[in-house]
């Protein structure tokens, strides 16, 4: 944590250690890119170092990873935080059971970025819990973030420092916009119980265990949270600040106050707010990675949030999601932070976790803040008006209804939409491009093929000329979604004999083996997967027999896929005669064994 030059791929947090498998994970985020969640199971299960964009190129592997991860990944995101995806994909349907929009009880935003992963030992079933408290959302942002990661086995006694984190995980179903299924609620409660018995050790250099702090679960009430009551020195890092947040830290009486923030937020502060802060810095543009052609529009810059305070040779740190704003500290938002402490040391010392040692690395990335012009009020108000309209839309009583319509399906949005003055509302199923949006009050209904039915509804709000539109995705209650939808999506992906064989190979041999075939230097063309070894009948027979002996449940998926494909002429063309014969022999043997 004290080396800003050290970087880690976020998906590494979820990868199991040697000898363990991922049992389940709970992720929270303020904002969310559906494509990131789509690629997450493949990155974790296949332990691939490929980037998200590269993983998204292969729907076949994504599909198998999603199938394997079914029920093991649960994501809780602010109801307004699902971003409009760049690409329309039928596979978003596979995320509907694992993405849960939530709302903060205090009418603010649901803002924590916490990842909890539960691993089980492959040999002895021992439980290992890993937690990451970060400032990072589940998005494609190129921002400079910070994370604190720790892991431990649950103990026998309650750990008071971990109880707030346990309460968050336990209460998440109650914050959800739509009711969660009972097994999922029970799973959350079970994980929370284990978290409450786990003492997460602080990183090397710090003392003892990590303490967790959750703000806003009960809504605002009482005095605002004051992490620092007395200090000699304070360092604060946050992209968003206001007078309330900065005054809260300045009230600690510290003789040295240092702040690292963002130009836009600092420029918007009331005059005199920064007077007590003797050292105010911003992140240099050169600290960011050079944007690529397809990443230049993504948010970048400082996004880390942390506070460090020194007193009497000790350093205390708070890391997490909270900005230095009234909404964050008063309990309007739901926020999570982790705190830890140790000897401060100095920049020259080999030991210590103080401010000087941190800044020895961080200062190379920063430059003194030069005040600029405050943002125009009109532009900010136009944005707020659109966001209020978005919130009205997300709180409206809306639902998706689907019904058969000849050989296709009728998808329509039911309910009364708000009509905010001066705001146009465009709507469309997230599986369609923006060009097919309908502007309310035009009937929000489309005729779709089965595989494009979805519970995710994209929206765009347009206001006065000059104001950027507000876009997003709502997950709504859906009625009439046919059970065979995922099977049809599978058919759209497995549409050639080569893809069928590649899918069988992933199913029988495991994702990691298949990923090796498309590693660095190899082609990522899905139609190339499965050629060679998987086309050999003896190899396929060998794989089927091995799976029948070790993990027969996997063959149920093979049975469903082949049966579905063989149901019509188009599907039968995808199943080579050699594969049919091998599968028929294996399946008859299995059925005969079951009858005995």
Foldseek 3Di string as FASTA:
>chain_A
DLFLVDDDDPLVLQADDPQKDWQAKEWEAAAAELLLVLQSLLCRFLVDPDDSVLSVVAVLSSLVSLVVCVPRYAYEYAQFHYFQYPAFALCSQSCLQRYFHFQFPQQDTAHFTKMWIWIAGPPPGFIKIKMKFWQDGHDPFQARIDIFIFMDGFDDDFDQLQLVVLVCLLCRQVRTPDHHDPVVNVVSNVVSVRSRRTFTAGDPQFDGGKGKDKFQNVHFDDDFDQPAQAFQEKEWEAAAAELQLLVSPVNNVHQAYAYEYDQQRVLQYPPPSCVSHPHYKYFDPVVTDDDDPVGPPHHYGHRWTKMWGHDPQKIKIKGHHAGSYCCRRRNSYIIMIMMTMHGQDACPDPGHDHPRVSCVNVVVRIDGHDHDHHDDPVQVVQVVLLVVLVVQQQPFQKEWEWDDDPQWIKIFIDGDHDDDPQKWKWKAQSSDDSVPTDIPPPGRMDTGHLSSDFQKMKMWIDGDPPHDIRIRIGRHHYPDNDPCNVLVSVCVSLQALQLLLLSLCCLQVNSNVQVVQCPPPHDPPSSVGNPDQSVDLVSSLVSQVVCCVPPVVSVVVVVVNLVVLVPDDSSVNRHDPSNVVSNVVSVVVVVVVVVD
